[in-house]
Amino acid sequence: MRHGRGLGEKDPSFSISSADVTMEEALNASPGYIDTFADTQNEPAAMVIDAGISDLKVLFHDGKVALPVSLSIQTSTGLHRGVHMSRLVHAASSHESPDIVSWLRRICKEVNASQPGSSVTCAFELPYADQFIPVSIKTSQAGAISYRFTAKGMTACPCSKKMIGVGHMQRAEIAMMLQGRKPVDMLKLIDKMEECFSAIPTEKMKRVEEAKKILEAQSHTRFAEDLVRECARRFPNSVYIRARCFESIHAHDAIATWSKKTGWVPEF
């Protein structure tokens, strides 16, 4: 049986190289060996690129509630080698603001003070009724605001409804991107998006309520294409819409898209 070695004993099979000794001496020495003037990010570079941080999780406070959000912050390197990413994290360290767009613009303002050309994207789930709506917001210090909302609903098929009197049903979603110069009322916007579906899912229902929900959907049948048209009609400032029906009688799904610029698909 092998016994443990005492605290004071050394393992004869273990040796320390001269490089290890040099490193150990450096670490145990005065911190004066650290070059605090080193700034590799400011070294010159010929190509200008955008760089930054992604998936920074923080809590946004509007003075009443705290909302978990994920931030991506980018800015231009200019003619330098890299971005000072710690400054981007610091800019996001103040989490309180009367509204989320003002907060995002304040982050960009702080970043731009030393590294101009910044933009920020914020992703979160907005509590709405008994659902959570995925939302993304992208903006800069004074530029346009891009929103992306993904609303949940259900559809009843117009084809089978016409053929046999009952439309097969499935859950569906609409992802919409819109742009503007001013913040939007997100809850009112989601209200309007939900009008596009055959019906809206509800978590807690009794049997009679479930039956009424089915009848509601059957009276407002929709193809995926109809969802896109309904959404575009309600939101003339939208720039991209995508509908997806999670088919109940097929192994595949049905999708439909519309873009203000033909063939264009947003990055976020």
C-alpha atoms as a PDB file:
ATOM      1  CA  MET A   1       0.000   0.000   0.000  1.00  0.00           C
ATOM      2  CA  ARG A   2       1.307   3.431  -0.950  1.00  0.00           C
ATOM      3  CA  HIS A   3       1.268   6.008   1.830  1.00  0.00           C
ATOM      4  CA  GLY A   4       0.928   9.743   1.380  1.00  0.00           C
ATOM      5  CA  ARG A   5       4.017  11.872   1.637  1.00  0.00           C
ATOM      6  CA  GLY A   6       4.426  14.264   4.532  1.00  0.00           C
ATOM      7  CA  LEU A   7       4.123  17.991   3.957  1.00  0.00           C
ATOM      8  CA  GLY A   8       7.817  18.526   4.400  1.00  0.00           C
ATOM      9  CA  GLU A   9       8.981  15.719   2.113  1.00  0.00           C
ATOM     10  CA  LYS A  10       9.956  16.203  -1.511  1.00  0.00           C
ATOM     11  CA  ASP A  11       9.230  13.923  -4.412  1.00  0.00           C
ATOM     12  CA  PRO A  12      12.641  12.815  -5.711  1.00  0.00           C
ATOM     13  CA  SER A  13      11.160  12.191  -9.167  1.00  0.00           C
ATOM     14  CA  PHE A  14      10.094  15.819  -9.456  1.00  0.00           C
ATOM     15  CA  SER A  15      12.660  18.330 -10.738  1.00  0.00           C
ATOM     16  CA  ILE A  16      12.465  22.054 -11.403  1.00  0.00           C
ATOM     17  CA  SER A  17      14.011  23.407 -14.597  1.00  0.00           C
ATOM     18  CA  SER A  18      15.977  26.640 -14.750  1.00  0.00           C
ATOM     19  CA  ALA A  19      13.112  28.219 -16.728  1.00  0.00           C
ATOM     20  CA  ASP A  20      10.706  27.342 -13.917  1.00  0.00           C
ATOM     21  CA  VAL A  21      13.039  28.874 -11.368  1.00  0.00           C
ATOM     22  CA  THR A  22      13.368  32.051 -13.417  1.00  0.00           C
ATOM     23  CA  MET A  23       9.586  32.355 -13.711  1.00  0.00           C
ATOM     24  CA  GLU A  24       9.092  31.676 -10.016  1.00  0.00           C
ATOM     25  CA  GLU A  25      11.641  34.322  -9.116  1.00  0.00           C
ATOM     26  CA  ALA A  26       9.929  36.816 -11.411  1.00  0.00           C
ATOM     27  CA  LEU A  27       6.517  36.123  -9.867  1.00  0.00           C
ATOM     28  CA  ASN A  28       7.870  36.443  -6.345  1.00  0.00           C
ATOM     29  CA  ALA A  29       9.753  39.620  -7.131  1.00  0.00           C
ATOM     30  CA  SER A  30       8.474  43.176  -6.799  1.00  0.00           C
ATOM     31  CA  PRO A  31       5.564  44.004  -9.150  1.00  0.00           C
ATOM     32  CA  GLY A  32       7.842  46.597 -10.718  1.00  0.00           C
ATOM     33  CA  TYR A  33       8.724  44.098 -13.463  1.00  0.00           C
ATOM     34  CA  ILE A  34       5.214  44.596 -14.992  1.00  0.00           C
ATOM     35  CA  ASP A  35       5.327  47.045 -17.871  1.00  0.00           C
ATOM     36  CA  THR A  36       2.306  49.197 -17.070  1.00  0.00           C
ATOM     37  CA  PHE A  37       2.968  51.355 -20.152  1.00  0.00           C
ATOM     38  CA  ALA A  38       2.528  48.462 -22.582  1.00  0.00           C
ATOM     39  CA  ASP A  39      -0.354  49.208 -24.977  1.00  0.00           C
ATOM     40  CA  THR A  40      -0.381  46.600 -27.725  1.00  0.00           C
ATOM     41  CA  GLN A  41      -3.884  47.589 -28.789  1.00  0.00           C
ATOM     42  CA  ASN A  42      -2.549  50.954 -29.966  1.00  0.00           C
ATOM     43  CA  GLU A  43       0.125  49.432 -32.159  1.00  0.00           C
ATOM     44  CA  PRO A  44      -0.372  50.522 -35.785  1.00  0.00           C
ATOM     45  CA  ALA A  45      -2.286  48.341 -38.259  1.00  0.00           C
ATOM     46  CA  ALA A  46      -3.132  48.846 -41.914  1.00  0.00           C
ATOM     47  CA  MET A  47      -6.679  47.429 -41.901  1.00  0.00           C
ATOM     48  CA  VAL A  48      -9.652  48.977 -40.108  1.00  0.00           C
ATOM     49  CA  ILE A  49     -11.991  46.382 -38.590  1.00  0.00           C
ATOM     50  CA  ASP A  50     -14.816  46.310 -36.051  1.00  0.00           C
ATOM     51  CA  ALA A  51     -14.202  44.335 -32.864  1.00  0.00           C
ATOM     52  CA  GLY A  52     -15.552  44.083 -29.358  1.00  0.00           C
ATOM     53  CA  ILE A  53     -17.287  41.813 -26.877  1.00  0.00           C
ATOM     54  CA  SER A  54     -20.247  39.447 -27.190  1.00  0.00           C
ATOM     55  CA  ASP A  55     -22.664  37.791 -24.765  1.00  0.00           C
ATOM     56  CA  LEU A  56     -21.922  40.089 -21.813  1.00  0.00           C
ATOM     57  CA  LYS A  57     -24.699  39.317 -19.327  1.00  0.00           C
ATOM     58  CA  VAL A  58     -25.839  42.138 -17.044  1.00  0.00           C
ATOM     59  CA  LEU A  59     -28.990  43.360 -15.297  1.00  0.00           C
ATOM     60  CA  PHE A  60     -30.699  46.437 -16.724  1.00  0.00           C
ATOM     61  CA  HIS A  61     -32.640  48.562 -14.211  1.00  0.00           C
ATOM     62  CA  ASP A  62     -35.337  51.055 -15.180  1.00  0.00           C
ATOM     63  CA  GLY A  63     -35.860  52.122 -11.574  1.00  0.00           C
ATOM     64  CA  LYS A  64     -38.689  49.630 -11.011  1.00  0.00           C
ATOM     65  CA  VAL A  65     -37.633  46.218 -12.270  1.00  0.00           C
ATOM     66  CA  ALA A  66     -34.394  44.456 -13.173  1.00  0.00           C
ATOM     67  CA  LEU A  67     -34.191  42.697 -16.546  1.00  0.00           C
ATOM     68  CA  PRO A  68     -31.440  40.186 -17.454  1.00  0.00           C
ATOM     69  CA  VAL A  69     -29.929  41.156 -20.814  1.00  0.00           C
ATOM     70  CA  SER A  70     -27.101  40.008 -23.072  1.00  0.00           C
ATOM     71  CA  LEU A  71     -24.945  42.722 -24.650  1.00  0.00           C
ATOM     72  CA  SER A  72     -22.695  42.774 -27.698  1.00  0.00           C
ATOM     73  CA  ILE A  73     -20.604  45.928 -28.061  1.00  0.00           C
ATOM     74  CA  GLN A  74     -18.398  46.663 -31.050  1.00  0.00           C
ATOM     75  CA  THR A  75     -16.341  49.607 -32.213  1.00  0.00           C
ATOM     76  CA  SER A  76     -13.748  50.438 -34.837  1.00  0.00           C
ATOM     77  CA  THR A  77     -10.077  49.684 -34.367  1.00  0.00           C
ATOM     78  CA  GLY A  78      -9.202  52.682 -36.505  1.00  0.00           C
ATOM     79  CA  LEU A  79      -5.626  52.253 -37.700  1.00  0.00           C
ATOM     80  CA  HIS A  80      -4.719  50.417 -34.518  1.00  0.00           C
ATOM     81  CA  ARG A  81      -4.126  46.750 -33.797  1.00  0.00           C
ATOM     82  CA  GLY A  82      -6.997  46.141 -31.401  1.00  0.00           C
ATOM     83  CA  VAL A  83      -9.862  47.412 -29.286  1.00  0.00           C
ATOM     84  CA  HIS A  84      -9.538  48.079 -25.547  1.00  0.00           C
ATOM     85  CA  MET A  85     -12.252  45.602 -24.590  1.00  0.00           C
ATOM     86  CA  SER A  86     -12.077  46.338 -20.858  1.00  0.00           C
ATOM     87  CA  ARG A  87     -13.361  49.825 -21.687  1.00  0.00           C
ATOM     88  CA  LEU A  88     -16.398  48.292 -23.374  1.00  0.00           C
ATOM     89  CA  VAL A  89     -17.164  46.237 -20.273  1.00  0.00           C
ATOM     90  CA  HIS A  90     -16.732  49.331 -18.098  1.00  0.00           C
ATOM     91  CA  ALA A  91     -19.140  51.311 -20.291  1.00  0.00           C
ATOM     92  CA  ALA A  92     -21.832  48.705 -19.600  1.00  0.00           C
ATOM     93  CA  SER A  93     -21.196  48.639 -15.835  1.00  0.00           C
ATOM     94  CA  SER A  94     -23.787  51.352 -15.121  1.00  0.00           C
ATOM     95  CA  HIS A  95     -27.089  49.525 -15.596  1.00  0.00           C
ATOM     96  CA  GLU A  96     -29.780  52.011 -14.551  1.00  0.00           C
ATOM     97  CA  SER A  97     -31.676  54.259 -16.965  1.00  0.00           C
ATOM     98  CA  PRO A  98     -35.304  55.351 -17.494  1.00  0.00           C
ATOM     99  CA  ASP A  99     -35.482  53.275 -20.692  1.00  0.00           C
ATOM    100  CA  ILE A 100     -33.352  50.688 -22.405  1.00  0.00           C
ATOM    101  CA  VAL A 101     -32.576  52.706 -25.567  1.00  0.00           C
ATOM    102  CA  SER A 102     -31.219  55.627 -23.517  1.00  0.00           C
ATOM    103  CA  TRP A 103     -28.999  53.165 -21.674  1.00  0.00           C
ATOM    104  CA  LEU A 104     -27.648  51.634 -24.886  1.00  0.00           C
ATOM    105  CA  ARG A 105     -26.891  55.079 -26.323  1.00  0.00           C
ATOM    106  CA  ARG A 106     -25.118  56.071 -23.118  1.00  0.00           C
ATOM    107  CA  ILE A 107     -22.914  52.985 -23.444  1.00  0.00           C
ATOM    108  CA  CYS A 108     -21.997  54.014 -26.996  1.00  0.00           C
ATOM    109  CA  LYS A 109     -21.279  57.584 -25.901  1.00  0.00           C
ATOM    110  CA  GLU A 110     -18.785  56.392 -23.295  1.00  0.00           C
ATOM    111  CA  VAL A 111     -17.093  54.007 -25.738  1.00  0.00           C
ATOM    112  CA  ASN A 112     -16.913  56.675 -28.452  1.00  0.00           C
ATOM    113  CA  ALA A 113     -15.043  59.030 -26.111  1.00  0.00           C
ATOM    114  CA  SER A 114     -11.888  56.945 -26.603  1.00  0.00           C
ATOM    115  CA  GLN A 115     -12.787  54.519 -29.416  1.00  0.00           C
ATOM    116  CA  PRO A 116     -15.187  56.124 -31.933  1.00  0.00           C
ATOM    117  CA  GLY A 117     -17.577  54.159 -34.140  1.00  0.00           C
ATOM    118  CA  SER A 118     -19.353  51.975 -31.611  1.00  0.00           C
ATOM    119  CA  SER A 119     -22.653  50.127 -31.795  1.00  0.00           C
ATOM    120  CA  VAL A 120     -24.415  47.946 -29.242  1.00  0.00           C
ATOM    121  CA  THR A 121     -26.900  45.084 -29.478  1.00  0.00           C
ATOM    122  CA  CYS A 122     -29.032  44.061 -26.531  1.00  0.00           C
ATOM    123  CA  ALA A 123     -30.972  40.772 -26.392  1.00  0.00           C
ATOM    124  CA  PHE A 124     -33.486  39.758 -23.733  1.00  0.00           C
ATOM    125  CA  GLU A 125     -36.845  38.086 -23.121  1.00  0.00           C
ATOM    126  CA  LEU A 126     -39.646  40.547 -22.397  1.00  0.00           C
ATOM    127  CA  PRO A 127     -42.339  39.303 -19.974  1.00  0.00           C
ATOM    128  CA  TYR A 128     -45.721  39.675 -21.657  1.00  0.00           C
ATOM    129  CA  ALA A 129     -48.948  38.218 -20.229  1.00  0.00           C
ATOM    130  CA  ASP A 130     -47.990  34.566 -19.562  1.00  0.00           C
ATOM    131  CA  GLN A 131     -45.343  34.494 -22.298  1.00  0.00           C
ATOM    132  CA  PHE A 132     -41.734  35.663 -22.739  1.00  0.00           C
ATOM    133  CA  ILE A 133     -41.045  37.464 -26.022  1.00  0.00           C
ATOM    134  CA  PRO A 134     -37.479  37.395 -27.454  1.00  0.00           C
ATOM    135  CA  VAL A 135     -36.387  40.952 -28.290  1.00  0.00           C
ATOM    136  CA  SER A 136     -33.182  42.368 -29.781  1.00  0.00           C
ATOM    137  CA  ILE A 137     -32.329  46.069 -30.020  1.00  0.00           C
ATOM    138  CA  LYS A 138     -29.373  47.495 -31.923  1.00  0.00           C
ATOM    139  CA  THR A 139     -28.340  51.149 -31.978  1.00  0.00           C
ATOM    140  CA  SER A 140     -25.463  53.627 -31.782  1.00  0.00           C
ATOM    141  CA  GLN A 141     -24.961  56.903 -29.946  1.00  0.00           C
ATOM    142  CA  ALA A 142     -27.273  58.914 -32.229  1.00  0.00           C
ATOM    143  CA  GLY A 143     -28.207  56.568 -35.079  1.00  0.00           C
ATOM    144  CA  ALA A 144     -31.345  54.651 -35.992  1.00  0.00           C
ATOM    145  CA  ILE A 145     -32.772  51.998 -33.684  1.00  0.00           C
ATOM    146  CA  SER A 146     -33.257  48.490 -35.062  1.00  0.00           C
ATOM    147  CA  TYR A 147     -35.680  46.199 -33.262  1.00  0.00           C
ATOM    148  CA  ARG A 148     -36.346  42.504 -33.691  1.00  0.00           C
ATOM    149  CA  PHE A 149     -39.337  40.859 -32.031  1.00  0.00           C
ATOM    150  CA  THR A 150     -40.374  37.201 -32.127  1.00  0.00           C
ATOM    151  CA  ALA A 151     -44.044  36.750 -31.236  1.00  0.00           C
ATOM    152  CA  LYS A 152     -45.653  33.371 -30.506  1.00  0.00           C
ATOM    153  CA  GLY A 153     -49.061  32.266 -31.738  1.00  0.00           C
ATOM    154  CA  MET A 154     -50.937  29.491 -33.518  1.00  0.00           C
ATOM    155  CA  THR A 155     -52.480  28.958 -36.913  1.00  0.00           C
ATOM    156  CA  ALA A 156     -55.326  26.913 -38.366  1.00  0.00           C
ATOM    157  CA  CYS A 157     -54.874  25.761 -41.960  1.00  0.00           C
ATOM    158  CA  PRO A 158     -57.224  27.458 -44.487  1.00  0.00           C
ATOM    159  CA  CYS A 159     -56.872  24.556 -46.953  1.00  0.00           C
ATOM    160  CA  SER A 160     -58.088  21.711 -44.733  1.00  0.00           C
ATOM    161  CA  LYS A 161     -60.687  24.054 -43.242  1.00  0.00           C
ATOM    162  CA  LYS A 162     -62.181  24.565 -46.701  1.00  0.00           C
ATOM    163  CA  MET A 163     -61.984  20.880 -47.622  1.00  0.00           C
ATOM    164  CA  ILE A 164     -63.345  19.207 -44.484  1.00  0.00           C
ATOM    165  CA  GLY A 165     -64.548  22.046 -42.264  1.00  0.00           C
ATOM    166  CA  VAL A 166     -61.631  21.778 -39.792  1.00  0.00           C
ATOM    167  CA  GLY A 167     -58.216  23.352 -40.209  1.00  0.00           C
ATOM    168  CA  HIS A 168     -55.311  21.422 -38.730  1.00  0.00           C
ATOM    169  CA  MET A 169     -53.608  23.557 -36.091  1.00  0.00           C
ATOM    170  CA  GLN A 170     -50.042  24.221 -34.998  1.00  0.00           C
ATOM    171  CA  ARG A 171     -47.945  26.663 -33.039  1.00  0.00           C
ATOM    172  CA  ALA A 172     -46.344  29.447 -35.062  1.00  0.00           C
ATOM    173  CA  GLU A 173     -44.075  32.435 -34.675  1.00  0.00           C
ATOM    174  CA  ILE A 174     -43.442  35.738 -36.416  1.00  0.00           C
ATOM    175  CA  ALA A 175     -40.015  37.394 -36.334  1.00  0.00           C
ATOM    176  CA  MET A 176     -40.133  41.032 -37.373  1.00  0.00           C
ATOM    177  CA  MET A 177     -37.408  43.634 -37.713  1.00  0.00           C
ATOM    178  CA  LEU A 178     -38.215  47.329 -37.864  1.00  0.00           C
ATOM    179  CA  GLN A 179     -36.196  50.532 -37.789  1.00  0.00           C
ATOM    180  CA  GLY A 180     -36.869  54.031 -36.541  1.00  0.00           C
ATOM    181  CA  ARG A 181     -35.369  57.076 -34.881  1.00  0.00           C
ATOM    182  CA  LYS A 182     -37.430  56.904 -31.686  1.00  0.00           C
ATOM    183  CA  PRO A 183     -38.045  54.155 -29.110  1.00  0.00           C
ATOM    184  CA  VAL A 184     -41.221  52.111 -29.564  1.00  0.00           C
ATOM    185  CA  ASP A 185     -43.794  50.992 -27.013  1.00  0.00           C
ATOM    186  CA  MET A 186     -42.814  47.335 -26.974  1.00  0.00           C
ATOM    187  CA  LEU A 187     -45.930  46.001 -25.231  1.00  0.00           C
ATOM    188  CA  LYS A 188     -48.309  47.748 -27.649  1.00  0.00           C
ATOM    189  CA  LEU A 189     -46.219  46.493 -30.552  1.00  0.00           C
ATOM    190  CA  ILE A 190     -46.513  42.893 -29.348  1.00  0.00           C
ATOM    191  CA  ASP A 191     -50.281  43.385 -29.016  1.00  0.00           C
ATOM    192  CA  LYS A 192     -50.452  44.245 -32.714  1.00  0.00           C
ATOM    193  CA  MET A 193     -48.202  41.348 -33.718  1.00  0.00           C
ATOM    194  CA  GLU A 194     -50.453  38.877 -31.915  1.00  0.00           C
ATOM    195  CA  GLU A 195     -53.421  40.071 -33.985  1.00  0.00           C
ATOM    196  CA  CYS A 196     -51.786  38.436 -37.013  1.00  0.00           C
ATOM    197  CA  PHE A 197     -52.245  34.856 -35.763  1.00  0.00           C
ATOM    198  CA  SER A 198     -55.298  32.612 -35.824  1.00  0.00           C
ATOM    199  CA  ALA A 199     -55.164  32.657 -32.016  1.00  0.00           C
ATOM    200  CA  ILE A 200     -52.690  33.162 -29.164  1.00  0.00           C
ATOM    201  CA  PRO A 201     -51.513  30.329 -26.865  1.00  0.00           C
ATOM    202  CA  THR A 202     -52.496  30.546 -23.214  1.00  0.00           C
ATOM    203  CA  GLU A 203     -50.837  28.559 -20.452  1.00  0.00           C
ATOM    204  CA  LYS A 204     -53.695  28.091 -17.967  1.00  0.00           C
ATOM    205  CA  MET A 205     -57.053  27.047 -19.418  1.00  0.00           C
ATOM    206  CA  LYS A 206     -60.020  24.920 -18.367  1.00  0.00           C
ATOM    207  CA  ARG A 207     -61.692  22.563 -20.843  1.00  0.00           C
ATOM    208  CA  VAL A 208     -64.308  25.089 -21.935  1.00  0.00           C
ATOM    209  CA  GLU A 209     -61.615  27.734 -22.426  1.00  0.00           C
ATOM    210  CA  GLU A 210     -59.614  25.303 -24.558  1.00  0.00           C
ATOM    211  CA  ALA A 211     -62.663  24.615 -26.699  1.00  0.00           C
ATOM    212  CA  LYS A 212     -63.239  28.343 -27.192  1.00  0.00           C
ATOM    213  CA  LYS A 213     -59.566  28.788 -28.147  1.00  0.00           C
ATOM    214  CA  ILE A 214     -59.906  26.127 -30.860  1.00  0.00           C
ATOM    215  CA  LEU A 215     -63.069  27.754 -32.229  1.00  0.00           C
ATOM    216  CA  GLU A 216     -61.318  31.129 -32.258  1.00  0.00           C
ATOM    217  CA  ALA A 217     -58.435  29.731 -34.307  1.00  0.00           C
ATOM    218  CA  GLN A 218     -60.816  27.965 -36.708  1.00  0.00           C
ATOM    219  CA  SER A 219     -62.592  31.248 -37.407  1.00  0.00           C
ATOM    220  CA  HIS A 220     -59.305  33.004 -38.352  1.00  0.00           C
ATOM    221  CA  THR A 221     -57.438  30.516 -40.552  1.00  0.00           C
ATOM    222  CA  ARG A 222     -53.961  31.572 -41.707  1.00  0.00           C
ATOM    223  CA  PHE A 223     -51.189  30.296 -43.977  1.00  0.00           C
ATOM    224  CA  ALA A 224     -47.609  31.252 -43.082  1.00  0.00           C
ATOM    225  CA  GLU A 225     -47.839  33.656 -46.023  1.00  0.00           C
ATOM    226  CA  ASP A 226     -50.904  35.283 -44.456  1.00  0.00           C
ATOM    227  CA  LEU A 227     -49.003  35.906 -41.226  1.00  0.00           C
ATOM    228  CA  VAL A 228     -46.374  37.874 -43.139  1.00  0.00           C
ATOM    229  CA  ARG A 229     -48.997  39.914 -45.013  1.00  0.00           C
ATOM    230  CA  GLU A 230     -50.936  40.691 -41.834  1.00  0.00           C
ATOM    231  CA  CYS A 231     -47.760  41.794 -40.086  1.00  0.00           C
ATOM    232  CA  ALA A 232     -46.575  43.990 -42.985  1.00  0.00           C
ATOM    233  CA  ARG A 233     -49.979  45.670 -43.119  1.00  0.00           C
ATOM    234  CA  ARG A 234     -49.841  46.580 -39.435  1.00  0.00           C
ATOM    235  CA  PHE A 235     -46.195  47.696 -39.465  1.00  0.00           C
ATOM    236  CA  PRO A 236     -45.349  49.854 -42.507  1.00  0.00           C
ATOM    237  CA  ASN A 237     -41.944  50.679 -40.965  1.00  0.00           C
ATOM    238  CA  SER A 238     -40.907  47.007 -40.856  1.00  0.00           C
ATOM    239  CA  VAL A 239     -37.907  46.017 -42.962  1.00  0.00           C
ATOM    240  CA  TYR A 240     -37.984  42.230 -42.576  1.00  0.00           C
ATOM    241  CA  ILE A 241     -40.641  39.684 -41.576  1.00  0.00           C
ATOM    242  CA  ARG A 242     -40.356  35.926 -41.215  1.00  0.00           C
ATOM    243  CA  ALA A 243     -43.178  33.541 -40.299  1.00  0.00           C
ATOM    244  CA  ARG A 244     -42.749  29.921 -39.289  1.00  0.00           C
ATOM    245  CA  CYS A 245     -45.498  27.368 -38.691  1.00  0.00           C
ATOM    246  CA  PHE A 246     -44.405  24.299 -36.719  1.00  0.00           C
ATOM    247  CA  GLU A 247     -46.475  21.833 -38.728  1.00  0.00           C
ATOM    248  CA  SER A 248     -48.594  19.302 -36.851  1.00  0.00           C
ATOM    249  CA  ILE A 249     -49.280  16.850 -39.703  1.00  0.00           C
ATOM    250  CA  HIS A 250     -45.912  17.096 -41.500  1.00  0.00           C
ATOM    251  CA  ALA A 251     -42.338  16.409 -40.407  1.00  0.00           C
ATOM    252  CA  HIS A 252     -41.291  19.718 -41.971  1.00  0.00           C
ATOM    253  CA  ASP A 253     -42.285  23.294 -41.134  1.00  0.00           C
ATOM    254  CA  ALA A 254     -43.824  26.012 -43.284  1.00  0.00           C
ATOM    255  CA  ILE A 255     -41.967  29.342 -43.633  1.00  0.00           C
ATOM    256  CA  ALA A 256     -42.602  32.647 -45.386  1.00  0.00           C
ATOM    257  CA  THR A 257     -40.450  35.770 -45.555  1.00  0.00           C
ATOM    258  CA  TRP A 258     -40.625  39.341 -46.794  1.00  0.00           C
ATOM    259  CA  SER A 259     -37.837  41.892 -46.998  1.00  0.00           C
ATOM    260  CA  LYS A 260     -37.936  45.564 -47.862  1.00  0.00           C
ATOM    261  CA  LYS A 261     -34.764  44.918 -49.867  1.00  0.00           C
ATOM    262  CA  THR A 262     -35.234  41.848 -52.015  1.00  0.00           C
ATOM    263  CA  GLY A 263     -33.065  38.970 -50.813  1.00  0.00           C
ATOM    264  CA  TRP A 264     -31.822  40.821 -47.730  1.00  0.00           C
ATOM    265  CA  VAL A 265     -31.752  38.992 -44.379  1.00  0.00           C
ATOM    266  CA  PRO A 266     -30.807  40.883 -41.198  1.00  0.00           C
ATOM    267  CA  GLU A 267     -27.719  39.906 -39.245  1.00  0.00           C
ATOM    268  CA  PHE A 268     -29.354  39.897 -35.837  1.00  0.00           C
END
